[in-house]
Protein backbone atom coordinates (compact mmCIF):
# COMPACT_ATOMS: atom_id res chain seq x y z
CA MET A 1 355.51 44.64 -66.83
CA SER A 2 355.08 47.75 -68.92
CA LEU A 3 357.37 50.50 -67.67
CA CYS A 4 355.14 53.45 -68.58
CA GLN A 5 351.37 53.71 -68.95
CA ASN A 6 349.35 56.42 -70.69
CA ASN A 7 347.56 58.71 -68.24
CA ASN A 8 343.78 59.14 -68.77
CA ALA A 9 341.33 61.01 -66.54
CA GLY A 10 339.10 58.76 -64.52
CA SER A 11 337.82 57.76 -61.13
CA SER A 12 339.87 57.94 -57.98
CA ALA A 13 341.48 54.98 -56.27
CA SER A 14 342.36 54.24 -52.71
CA ASN A 15 346.03 54.26 -51.72
CA THR A 16 347.67 52.64 -48.73
CA VAL A 17 351.14 52.32 -47.33
CA ASP A 18 352.01 48.96 -45.88
CA ASP A 19 355.33 49.76 -44.19
CA LEU A 20 355.00 52.92 -42.12
CA ASP A 21 358.51 52.41 -40.76
CA SER A 22 359.90 52.66 -44.28
CA TYR A 23 358.36 56.00 -45.21
CA LYS A 24 355.92 58.42 -43.62
CA ASP A 25 353.93 61.50 -44.55
CA ILE A 26 354.98 61.56 -48.19
CA ASP A 27 353.04 63.57 -50.76
CA VAL A 28 350.34 61.08 -51.74
CA ILE A 29 347.81 62.11 -54.36
CA ASN A 30 344.48 61.12 -52.80
CA SER A 31 342.60 60.92 -56.10
CA PRO A 32 344.99 59.72 -58.79
CA PRO A 33 343.84 59.30 -62.39
CA GLN A 34 342.83 55.80 -63.43
CA LEU A 35 345.49 54.12 -65.52
CA SER A 36 344.73 52.63 -68.90
CA GLY A 37 346.19 49.23 -69.64
CA THR A 38 346.76 46.47 -67.16
CA LEU A 39 349.32 46.60 -64.41
CA GLU A 40 350.92 43.41 -63.23
CA LYS A 41 349.30 42.14 -60.03
CA THR A 42 351.34 42.27 -56.86
CA ASP A 43 350.64 41.45 -53.25
CA LYS A 44 351.60 44.98 -52.28
CA SER A 45 349.45 48.09 -52.47
CA VAL A 46 350.28 50.61 -55.17
CA GLN A 47 350.21 54.29 -54.25
CA VAL A 48 350.47 57.34 -56.49
CA VAL A 49 352.85 60.12 -55.52
CA ASP A 50 353.73 63.50 -56.96
CA GLU A 51 356.98 63.66 -58.95
CA GLY A 52 358.35 66.19 -56.44
CA ALA A 53 358.35 63.45 -53.78
CA THR A 54 360.86 61.35 -55.73
CA ASP A 55 364.55 61.64 -56.46
CA ASP A 56 365.09 63.78 -59.59
CA THR A 57 366.91 60.91 -61.33
CA SER A 58 364.11 58.38 -60.67
CA VAL A 59 362.09 58.93 -63.84
CA PHE A 60 365.23 58.68 -65.98
CA TYR A 61 366.42 55.58 -64.13
CA ASN A 62 363.10 53.71 -64.29
CA LYS A 63 362.63 54.50 -67.98
CA TYR A 64 366.00 53.10 -69.00
CA LYS A 65 366.95 50.50 -66.36
CA ASP A 66 365.51 47.59 -68.40
CA THR A 67 367.35 48.68 -71.55
CA VAL A 68 370.89 48.46 -70.16
CA GLY A 69 373.18 45.59 -69.32
CA VAL A 70 374.04 44.18 -65.91
CA LEU A 71 376.38 46.27 -63.73
CA THR A 72 379.33 43.93 -63.20
CA PRO A 73 382.27 44.63 -60.83
CA GLU A 74 384.49 45.27 -63.85
CA ILE A 75 382.08 47.82 -65.31
CA GLU A 76 381.67 49.44 -61.90
CA LYS A 77 385.42 49.82 -61.47
CA ARG A 78 385.85 51.29 -64.94
CA LEU A 79 382.89 53.66 -64.50
CA THR A 80 384.10 54.87 -61.09
CA LYS A 81 387.49 55.66 -62.59
CA LYS A 82 385.86 57.51 -65.50
CA ASN A 83 383.63 59.58 -63.21
CA PHE A 84 386.57 60.33 -60.95
CA TRP A 85 388.73 61.83 -63.67
CA ARG A 86 385.98 63.57 -65.65
CA LEU A 87 384.28 65.15 -62.65
CA MET A 88 387.32 65.81 -60.50
CA VAL A 89 389.22 67.56 -63.27
CA GLN A 90 386.43 70.16 -63.07
CA THR A 91 385.83 70.36 -59.32
CA TRP A 92 389.56 70.38 -58.51
CA TRP A 93 389.61 73.91 -59.91
CA ILE A 94 386.83 74.91 -57.52
CA ALA A 95 388.92 73.75 -54.53
CA PHE A 96 391.91 75.52 -56.06
CA LEU A 97 390.04 78.85 -56.19
CA ILE A 98 388.58 78.45 -52.67
CA HIS A 99 392.07 78.09 -51.19
CA LEU A 100 393.41 80.83 -53.45
CA ASP A 101 390.88 83.35 -52.18
CA LYS A 102 391.23 82.42 -48.52
CA SER A 103 395.00 82.95 -48.70
CA THR A 104 394.99 86.17 -50.72
CA LEU A 105 394.29 88.49 -47.80
CA SER A 106 396.78 86.80 -45.46
CA SER A 107 399.47 87.09 -48.16
CA ALA A 108 398.54 90.74 -48.70
CA SER A 109 399.14 91.44 -45.00
CA THR A 110 402.91 91.52 -45.61
CA MET A 111 402.68 93.19 -49.05
CA GLY A 112 401.79 96.76 -48.10
CA ILE A 113 398.02 96.57 -47.62
CA PHE A 114 398.26 98.08 -44.10
CA LYS A 115 399.95 101.18 -45.53
CA ASP A 116 397.65 101.62 -48.55
CA VAL A 117 394.40 101.04 -46.70
CA GLN A 118 395.58 102.45 -43.35
CA MET A 119 394.57 99.57 -41.10
CA THR A 120 395.66 98.43 -37.67
CA LYS A 121 396.26 94.79 -36.71
CA ASN A 122 392.90 94.66 -34.91
CA GLN A 123 391.10 96.11 -37.96
CA TYR A 124 392.80 93.44 -40.09
CA ASN A 125 391.31 90.79 -37.79
CA GLU A 126 387.88 92.39 -38.24
CA LEU A 127 388.08 91.75 -41.99
CA PHE A 128 387.77 88.03 -41.27
CA ILE A 129 384.83 88.65 -38.94
CA VAL A 130 382.84 90.54 -41.60
CA PHE A 131 383.78 87.94 -44.23
CA TYR A 132 382.20 85.19 -42.14
CA ALA A 133 379.27 87.46 -41.30
CA GLY A 134 378.54 87.41 -45.04
CA TYR A 135 378.99 83.65 -44.94
CA LEU A 136 376.47 83.42 -42.13
CA VAL A 137 373.84 85.56 -43.87
CA ALA A 138 373.97 83.64 -47.15
CA LEU A 139 374.26 80.01 -46.09
CA TRP A 140 370.65 78.96 -45.55
CA PRO A 141 369.26 81.04 -48.46
CA GLY A 142 372.11 79.60 -50.53
CA ALA A 143 371.09 76.05 -49.62
CA TYR A 144 367.56 76.76 -50.83
CA LEU A 145 368.74 78.46 -54.03
CA SER A 146 371.30 75.79 -54.93
CA GLN A 147 368.66 73.07 -54.53
CA ARG A 148 366.17 74.95 -56.70
CA ILE A 149 368.43 76.02 -59.59
CA GLY A 150 371.00 73.21 -59.40
CA HIS A 151 374.58 73.14 -58.15
CA LYS A 152 376.07 73.86 -61.57
CA TYR A 153 374.49 77.28 -61.94
CA PHE A 154 374.86 78.15 -58.27
CA ILE A 155 378.59 77.33 -58.24
CA THR A 156 379.40 79.04 -61.54
CA GLY A 157 377.30 82.09 -60.68
CA SER A 158 379.11 82.37 -57.35
CA LEU A 159 382.49 82.13 -59.09
CA PHE A 160 381.54 84.90 -61.52
CA LEU A 161 380.56 87.27 -58.69
CA TRP A 162 383.60 86.16 -56.73
CA ALA A 163 385.92 87.16 -59.60
CA LEU A 164 384.29 90.58 -59.93
CA LEU A 165 384.65 91.30 -56.21
CA LEU A 166 388.31 90.21 -56.14
CA GLY A 167 388.99 92.53 -59.07
CA VAL A 168 387.54 95.49 -57.18
CA HIS A 169 389.76 94.99 -54.10
CA PRO A 170 392.72 97.05 -55.43
CA ALA A 171 390.44 100.09 -55.79
CA VAL A 172 389.64 100.40 -52.08
CA LYS A 173 390.97 103.38 -50.14
CA THR A 174 389.65 102.82 -46.63
CA GLY A 175 389.22 99.99 -44.17
CA LYS A 176 385.43 100.37 -44.31
CA GLN A 177 385.41 99.87 -48.09
CA LEU A 178 387.55 96.77 -47.70
CA MET A 179 385.18 95.46 -45.01
CA ALA A 180 382.20 95.91 -47.35
CA LEU A 181 383.98 93.94 -50.07
CA ARG A 182 384.95 91.15 -47.68
CA PHE A 183 381.32 90.89 -46.51
CA LEU A 184 380.11 90.54 -50.12
CA LEU A 185 382.86 88.02 -50.85
CA GLY A 186 381.64 85.94 -47.90
CA LEU A 187 378.13 86.03 -49.37
CA THR A 188 379.29 84.62 -52.69
CA GLU A 189 381.60 81.93 -51.30
CA SER A 190 379.48 80.53 -48.48
CA GLN A 191 377.60 77.70 -50.21
CA ILE A 192 380.26 76.59 -52.71
CA VAL A 193 381.87 73.89 -50.53
CA PRO A 194 378.57 72.22 -49.46
CA SER A 195 377.26 72.34 -53.04
CA THR A 196 380.42 70.76 -54.44
CA ALA A 197 380.44 68.09 -51.73
CA VAL A 198 376.82 67.15 -52.50
CA LEU A 199 377.65 67.07 -56.22
CA HIS A 200 380.40 64.53 -55.53
CA GLN A 201 377.97 62.43 -53.48
CA ALA A 202 375.68 62.24 -56.52
CA PHE A 203 378.39 60.30 -58.39
CA PHE A 204 380.14 58.28 -55.66
CA ASP A 205 378.66 56.17 -52.85
CA TYR A 206 379.53 56.61 -49.19
CA LYS A 207 382.41 54.10 -49.39
CA ARG A 208 384.18 56.03 -52.15
CA SER A 209 383.02 59.59 -51.55
CA PRO A 210 385.08 60.39 -48.39
CA TRP A 211 388.52 59.61 -49.83
CA ILE A 212 387.57 61.19 -53.16
CA GLN A 213 386.55 64.34 -51.27
CA MET A 214 389.94 64.32 -49.54
CA LEU A 215 391.81 64.14 -52.84
CA TRP A 216 389.60 66.96 -54.12
CA TRP A 217 390.49 69.13 -51.13
CA ALA A 218 394.20 68.35 -51.46
CA SER A 219 394.27 70.10 -54.83
CA GLY A 220 393.51 73.35 -53.06
CA SER A 221 396.84 73.18 -51.27
CA PHE A 222 398.63 73.66 -54.56
CA ALA A 223 396.81 76.98 -54.88
CA ASN A 224 398.58 78.11 -51.71
CA VAL A 225 401.94 77.04 -53.15
CA LEU A 226 401.25 78.96 -56.38
CA LEU A 227 400.00 82.01 -54.50
CA THR A 228 403.02 82.02 -52.20
CA MET A 229 405.41 81.86 -55.16
CA ILE A 230 403.57 84.70 -56.91
CA ALA A 231 403.53 86.76 -53.69
CA TYR A 232 407.24 86.19 -53.16
CA LYS A 233 408.07 87.37 -56.71
CA LEU A 234 405.78 90.40 -56.39
CA ILE A 235 407.35 91.39 -53.04
CA LEU A 236 410.83 91.28 -54.59
CA ASP A 237 409.71 93.26 -57.67
CA ASP A 238 407.92 95.80 -55.47
CA LYS A 239 411.05 96.23 -53.38
CA ALA A 240 413.09 96.75 -56.55
CA GLY A 241 410.52 99.23 -57.89
CA SER A 242 409.95 97.21 -61.06
CA LEU A 243 406.19 96.63 -60.82
CA PRO A 244 404.28 98.30 -63.71
CA GLY A 245 402.70 101.65 -62.84
CA GLY A 246 404.22 101.68 -59.37
CA ILE A 247 401.16 99.75 -58.16
CA SER A 248 401.52 97.89 -54.86
CA SER A 249 402.27 94.18 -54.98
CA TRP A 250 399.11 93.20 -53.05
CA LYS A 251 396.96 94.84 -55.75
CA TRP A 252 398.69 92.86 -58.50
CA LEU A 253 398.14 89.72 -56.44
CA HIS A 254 394.36 90.32 -56.42
CA TRP A 255 394.30 90.97 -60.17
CA VAL A 256 396.15 87.71 -60.85
CA CYS A 257 393.55 85.84 -58.75
CA THR A 258 390.72 87.61 -60.62
CA ILE A 259 392.07 86.50 -64.01
CA LEU A 260 392.50 82.89 -62.82
CA THR A 261 388.92 82.80 -61.50
CA PHE A 262 387.46 84.02 -64.80
CA ILE A 263 389.54 81.46 -66.71
CA VAL A 264 388.07 78.64 -64.59
CA PHE A 265 384.50 80.02 -64.67
CA VAL A 266 383.93 79.63 -68.43
CA PRO A 267 384.61 75.86 -68.90
CA LEU A 268 382.71 75.03 -65.69
CA LEU A 269 379.67 76.86 -67.03
CA ILE A 270 379.76 74.56 -70.08
CA TRP A 271 380.74 71.19 -68.61
CA LEU A 272 379.85 71.00 -64.91
CA PRO A 273 376.81 68.70 -64.35
CA ASN A 274 374.05 68.84 -61.75
CA SER A 275 373.72 65.05 -61.52
CA PRO A 276 374.69 61.93 -63.52
CA VAL A 277 371.65 62.51 -65.78
CA ASP A 278 373.22 65.58 -67.43
CA ALA A 279 376.88 64.50 -67.26
CA LYS A 280 378.11 65.02 -70.83
CA TRP A 281 380.80 62.33 -70.59
CA LEU A 282 378.38 59.49 -69.74
CA THR A 283 376.30 57.36 -72.09
CA THR A 284 372.71 56.45 -71.15
CA GLU A 285 373.85 53.07 -69.86
CA GLU A 286 376.65 54.66 -67.80
CA LYS A 287 374.19 57.16 -66.31
CA VAL A 288 371.88 54.35 -65.21
CA HIS A 289 374.81 52.40 -63.73
CA THR A 290 376.10 55.47 -61.85
CA ILE A 291 372.64 56.04 -60.35
CA THR A 292 372.43 52.31 -59.49
CA MET A 293 375.61 52.54 -57.41
CA ILE A 294 374.10 55.37 -55.34
CA ARG A 295 370.68 53.69 -55.01
CA ARG A 296 372.22 50.64 -53.36
CA THR A 297 373.03 52.77 -50.29
CA HIS A 298 369.53 54.33 -50.11
CA ALA A 299 371.30 57.71 -50.23
CA GLY A 300 369.50 59.46 -53.10
CA VAL A 301 371.05 61.54 -55.88
CA ARG A 302 369.16 64.82 -56.26
CA ASN A 303 365.76 66.45 -55.63
CA SER A 304 364.94 70.04 -56.59
CA THR A 305 361.77 70.30 -54.47
CA PHE A 306 362.43 72.10 -51.18
CA ARG A 307 360.58 70.26 -48.41
CA TRP A 308 359.92 72.15 -45.15
CA LYS A 309 359.07 68.93 -43.34
CA GLN A 310 362.66 67.83 -43.82
CA VAL A 311 363.91 71.16 -42.45
CA ARG A 312 361.98 70.54 -39.24
CA GLU A 313 363.33 67.03 -39.00
CA CYS A 314 366.87 68.31 -39.49
CA PHE A 315 366.72 70.44 -36.36
CA THR A 316 365.06 67.75 -34.22
CA ASP A 317 367.72 65.18 -35.08
CA LEU A 318 370.40 64.79 -32.38
CA LYS A 319 373.12 63.86 -34.84
CA THR A 320 372.65 67.20 -36.66
CA TRP A 321 373.55 69.04 -33.46
CA LEU A 322 376.52 66.76 -32.84
CA PHE A 323 377.90 67.56 -36.30
CA ILE A 324 377.21 71.28 -35.72
CA ALA A 325 379.04 71.21 -32.36
CA HIS A 326 382.03 69.44 -33.91
CA MET A 327 382.23 71.93 -36.75
CA PHE A 328 382.18 74.85 -34.29
CA PHE A 329 385.14 73.60 -32.25
CA ASN A 330 386.94 72.49 -35.41
CA GLU A 331 386.85 76.02 -36.84
CA LEU A 332 387.66 78.06 -33.72
CA PRO A 333 391.43 77.67 -34.42
CA ASN A 334 390.99 78.35 -38.14
CA ASN A 335 392.18 81.97 -38.08
CA THR A 336 395.60 80.71 -37.01
CA SER A 337 396.49 80.10 -40.66
CA GLN A 338 395.61 83.71 -41.52
CA GLN A 339 397.99 84.94 -38.81
CA ILE A 340 401.01 82.92 -39.96
CA PRO A 341 402.64 85.56 -42.22
CA LEU A 342 402.49 88.10 -39.38
CA LEU A 343 403.60 85.55 -36.76
CA ILE A 344 406.68 84.62 -38.78
CA VAL A 345 407.60 88.31 -39.24
CA ASP A 346 407.25 88.71 -35.45
CA TYR A 347 409.74 85.85 -35.06
CA GLY A 348 412.31 88.10 -36.79
CA PHE A 349 412.04 87.06 -40.45
CA THR A 350 411.45 89.39 -43.41
CA PRO A 351 408.14 89.48 -45.37
CA ALA A 352 409.84 87.73 -48.32
CA GLN A 353 411.18 84.99 -46.02
CA SER A 354 407.72 84.69 -44.46
CA ALA A 355 406.28 84.08 -47.93
CA LEU A 356 408.85 81.34 -48.59
CA PHE A 357 408.09 79.64 -45.28
CA ASN A 358 404.42 79.56 -46.25
CA ILE A 359 405.20 77.21 -49.12
CA ALA A 360 405.79 74.48 -46.53
CA LYS A 361 402.28 74.69 -45.06
CA PRO A 362 400.29 73.72 -48.19
CA ILE A 363 402.79 70.98 -49.06
CA TRP A 364 402.42 69.57 -45.55
CA GLY A 365 398.66 70.00 -45.83
CA SER A 366 398.56 68.03 -49.08
CA MET A 367 400.54 65.21 -47.51
CA LEU A 368 398.18 65.12 -44.54
CA VAL A 369 395.07 65.11 -46.73
CA VAL A 370 396.44 62.35 -48.97
CA ALA A 371 397.38 60.32 -45.85
CA THR A 372 393.83 60.72 -44.54
CA ALA A 373 392.47 59.61 -47.92
CA GLY A 374 394.74 56.55 -47.62
CA LEU A 375 393.29 55.75 -44.19
CA LEU A 376 389.78 55.90 -45.65
CA PHE A 377 390.70 53.81 -48.71
CA TRP A 378 392.96 51.10 -47.25
CA THR A 379 391.63 50.67 -43.72
CA ASN A 380 388.28 50.12 -42.02
CA LEU A 381 388.74 53.00 -39.59
CA GLY A 382 385.91 54.95 -41.22
CA MET A 383 385.35 58.69 -41.21
CA GLY A 384 384.95 59.15 -37.45
CA TYR A 385 388.26 57.65 -36.36
CA SER A 386 390.13 59.00 -39.41
CA CYS A 387 388.86 62.50 -38.65
CA ALA A 388 389.93 62.19 -35.00
CA ILE A 389 393.42 61.00 -35.98
CA SER A 390 393.87 63.96 -38.34
CA TYR A 391 394.05 66.34 -35.35
CA ILE A 392 397.28 64.82 -33.97
CA PRO A 393 399.66 67.13 -35.94
CA CYS A 394 397.64 70.18 -34.89
CA PHE A 395 397.85 69.18 -31.23
CA LEU A 396 401.62 68.60 -31.49
CA GLY A 397 402.04 71.99 -33.20
CA GLY A 398 400.17 73.67 -30.37
CA ILE A 399 402.38 71.98 -27.77
CA ILE A 400 405.49 73.16 -29.64
CA GLU A 401 404.24 76.76 -29.70
CA LEU A 402 403.58 76.66 -25.96
CA ALA A 403 406.75 74.83 -24.91
CA ALA A 404 409.48 75.99 -27.33
CA PRO A 405 411.78 78.79 -26.06
CA TRP A 406 411.46 82.16 -27.81
CA ASN A 407 414.99 81.99 -29.17
CA ASN A 408 414.30 78.69 -30.97
CA LYS A 409 412.81 80.31 -34.06
CA ILE A 410 412.94 77.18 -36.20
CA ALA A 411 410.83 75.23 -33.69
CA LEU A 412 408.30 78.06 -33.57
CA VAL A 413 408.05 78.15 -37.37
CA VAL A 414 407.63 74.35 -37.52
CA GLY A 415 404.87 74.58 -34.90
CA THR A 416 402.92 77.10 -37.01
CA GLN A 417 403.27 75.02 -40.17
CA ILE A 418 402.06 71.67 -38.81
CA SER A 419 399.24 73.07 -36.69
CA THR A 420 397.34 75.15 -39.21
CA PHE A 421 396.20 72.67 -41.85
CA LYS A 422 393.89 69.72 -41.21
CA PRO A 423 391.48 67.76 -43.43
CA SER A 424 388.84 67.57 -40.72
CA TYR A 425 386.69 70.43 -42.06
CA LEU A 426 385.80 68.79 -45.35
CA LEU A 427 385.85 65.26 -43.94
CA ALA A 428 383.35 66.19 -41.20
CA LEU A 429 381.18 68.14 -43.66
CA SER A 430 381.17 65.21 -46.07
CA TRP A 431 380.36 62.83 -43.20
CA ALA A 432 377.40 64.99 -42.15
CA GLY A 433 376.07 64.87 -45.72
CA LEU A 434 376.59 61.14 -46.18
CA ALA A 435 374.93 60.39 -42.83
CA THR A 436 371.82 62.35 -43.86
CA THR A 437 369.27 61.45 -46.52
CA GLY A 438 366.35 63.44 -47.80
CA TYR A 439 367.78 66.03 -50.18
CA THR A 440 366.47 69.10 -48.37
CA LYS A 441 367.52 67.68 -45.01
CA ARG A 442 371.00 66.96 -46.34
CA MET A 443 371.45 70.46 -47.78
CA VAL A 444 370.16 72.14 -44.61
CA THR A 445 372.30 69.90 -42.38
CA MET A 446 375.46 70.65 -44.32
CA SER A 447 374.63 74.37 -44.51
CA SER A 448 373.97 74.44 -40.77
CA CYS A 449 377.39 72.91 -40.17
CA VAL A 450 378.94 75.67 -42.27
CA VAL A 451 376.84 78.24 -40.35
CA SER A 452 378.42 76.87 -37.19
CA ALA A 453 381.84 77.13 -38.85
CA ALA A 454 381.11 80.73 -39.87
CA VAL A 455 380.17 81.69 -36.30
CA ALA A 456 383.40 80.09 -35.05
CA ASN A 457 385.42 81.94 -37.69
CA MET A 458 383.84 85.22 -36.62
CA ILE A 459 384.98 84.52 -33.04
CA ALA A 460 388.42 83.15 -34.01
CA PRO A 461 390.20 86.48 -34.80
CA GLU A 462 389.34 87.73 -31.31
CA PHE A 463 391.90 85.32 -29.86
CA TRP A 464 394.73 87.06 -31.75
CA LYS A 465 394.56 90.51 -30.20
CA GLU A 466 397.52 92.90 -30.37
CA LYS A 467 397.95 92.70 -26.58
CA TYR A 468 399.01 89.02 -26.77
CA ARG A 469 401.78 89.80 -29.26
CA PRO A 470 404.38 88.50 -29.96
CA ARG A 471 404.27 85.17 -28.07
CA TYR A 472 400.46 84.72 -28.10
CA ARG A 473 400.58 82.18 -25.27
CA LEU A 474 396.89 82.43 -24.33
CA PRO A 475 395.66 82.05 -27.95
CA TRP A 476 397.87 79.01 -28.49
CA ALA A 477 396.58 77.46 -25.23
CA PHE A 478 393.00 77.84 -26.45
CA MET A 479 393.84 76.41 -29.90
CA THR A 480 395.47 73.36 -28.31
CA ALA A 481 392.41 72.77 -26.12
CA PHE A 482 390.14 72.92 -29.19
CA TRP A 483 392.35 70.34 -30.90
CA VAL A 484 391.52 67.97 -28.01
CA ILE A 485 387.77 68.65 -27.89
CA SER A 486 387.22 68.21 -31.65
CA PRO A 487 388.51 64.62 -32.01
CA LEU A 488 386.59 63.59 -28.90
CA LEU A 489 383.39 64.80 -30.60
CA CYS A 490 384.28 62.71 -33.68
CA VAL A 491 384.37 59.60 -31.50
CA VAL A 492 381.07 60.52 -29.81
CA ILE A 493 379.35 60.91 -33.21
CA ARG A 494 380.68 57.58 -34.42
CA LEU A 495 379.49 55.74 -31.29
CA TYR A 496 376.04 57.32 -31.61
CA LEU A 497 375.68 56.29 -35.27
CA GLN A 498 377.04 52.83 -34.52
CA ARG A 499 374.31 52.29 -31.92
CA GLU A 500 371.63 53.39 -34.38
CA ASN A 501 373.02 51.05 -37.07
CA LYS A 502 372.61 48.04 -34.79
CA ARG A 503 368.90 48.82 -34.47
CA ARG A 504 368.53 49.26 -38.23
CA GLN A 505 370.42 46.08 -39.02
CA ALA A 506 367.82 44.15 -37.06
CA VAL A 507 365.08 45.68 -39.26
CA ILE A 508 366.96 44.79 -42.45
CA GLU A 509 367.48 41.19 -41.35
CA GLU A 510 363.76 40.92 -40.69
CA LYS A 511 362.39 42.66 -43.82
CA GLY A 512 365.19 42.40 -46.39
CA ASP A 513 367.12 45.06 -48.28
CA TYR A 514 366.40 44.19 -51.91
CA GLU A 515 364.80 46.43 -54.46
CA GLU A 516 362.20 43.83 -55.34
CA ASP A 517 361.03 43.91 -51.70
CA ALA A 518 360.20 47.61 -51.90
CA GLU A 519 356.72 49.11 -51.99
CA LYS A 520 355.39 49.98 -55.46
CA VAL A 521 354.47 53.56 -56.38
CA ASN A 522 353.23 55.28 -59.52
CA VAL A 523 354.67 58.70 -60.36
CA GLU A 524 352.83 61.16 -62.56
CA THR A 525 355.09 62.92 -65.06
CA ALA A 526 354.32 64.94 -68.15
CA GLY A 527 351.69 62.84 -69.96
CA GLU A 528 352.59 59.50 -68.45
CA VAL A 529 352.78 57.45 -65.27
CA VAL A 530 356.01 55.64 -64.42
CA GLN A 531 355.96 52.76 -61.98
CA MET A 532 358.70 52.83 -59.35
CA ASN A 533 359.21 51.70 -55.76
CA ASP A 534 359.95 53.33 -52.44
CA TRP A 535 363.68 53.41 -53.16
CA ASP A 536 362.89 56.28 -55.52
CA LEU A 537 361.18 58.46 -52.92
CA ASP A 538 363.01 61.41 -51.37
CA LEU A 539 363.08 59.81 -47.89
CA THR A 540 365.05 61.07 -44.92
CA ASP A 541 367.31 58.81 -42.90
CA ARG A 542 364.69 58.76 -40.14
CA GLU A 543 361.95 57.68 -42.55
CA ASN A 544 364.02 55.06 -44.33
CA LYS A 545 364.93 52.46 -41.72
CA LYS A 546 366.98 50.54 -44.30
CA PHE A 547 369.55 53.32 -44.54
CA ILE A 548 372.79 52.46 -42.74
CA TYR A 549 374.83 55.37 -41.39
CA PRO A 550 378.44 55.53 -42.60
CA LEU A 551 380.85 55.49 -39.69
């Protein structure tokens, strides 16, 4: 069969869809141009759809799929390894900067920022509230913008603005000015994690993507180690009066982070791809094979057309609300990590000692993330059970904080370290994305989960009021309760998806799951018509009954 046919104006043709359970309400062109040449006869109806209704990689894939060799297990293994190292060496730096920024303010809390900006402890807590207010405002518009312009330009543009705002922090004089900056910083950072997660899912299928995402997130922990070491040295130099210009250590810390962000921004602007099609390290054959690995799961790679129908479906899908609920309870204890430097000082340690203790948290966090990645890679537990298990250290840390006597300072420090880092945020966000198809629906689902997280993070500082100091028994009791509710929701989500998969498996056994069984479609592109099938359409998980939810 000829892959492409010239497109000439002509009479209209009738189009039908045989399998309404496979796809519904797609953008069908009612009067498509007549095609010159002869198409191979099939027993299935051929419909004509607009290019915006297909995955963005479909035209590329269907043009070149017959010119490449067979994807063997050996080639697949080699290609996965190549994509892992070439893509992850870029996105690791994004995770590094995300963790760096989130820890900068908490480190600054013991470096003189209260004196320079004249803040109280409660006003310090409000900085996190306004940060996540910015998060909240920008998330859904960010989802739309990142889909339209591509993740590469959205991520790099956000990093550029992020660096500028960090660089301005040392100039603030009042708490209100600092609040304004934190709000703007929340605006720029909000969509970076969902965009990077979706970018990973364009290169790795649902079996590989979860543990790869975990290894990506683990790299951010090293940012906390680096930041803690820098903060420790700056505190000592500030105490000795050896910092240039007599400038406070917290201001130098922000400038160091600004320089690092600009250094990362430039190469990402050059090399970061939007999808396998524009990955500079892949040949044409490798691009086709990478897309093939994603197509097998009916997951889709990328679509730049924003589809309001998929937005509506997102918010009428029960599983979306289950993921949103889980993310809310997961993030309610999140401000605990921002309180650690102050908590440790309250235990009787110095600011410099507090900084040293904070080295343990990211190292422990990296171990926990790598262990979770191991569960995903070497066992069949899946994302739901692995996510639930990851809360065990947090729960134990909460019990220690509630039960340990006040004079046992070591136990209290250990409790703070093991309870404040968990891989569940990214794992649950990745799971929500992998369990959702239809590119707009996926972006809106993931952004809605982060909206839920932002709301929780705006509430979270309210638990750590000055009146509960220094033992904070009531806040720790709430945190421990949330660390019980969250894993239970993971199990509920898994059971719900498992039930849906049983229904879908019956459909697959009846109708088949092979590409040659799919409905044929013609897609109009610039000056030509490319023949594809319904695997190429931007279908949601509700429309595509052959999609199996990852558990």
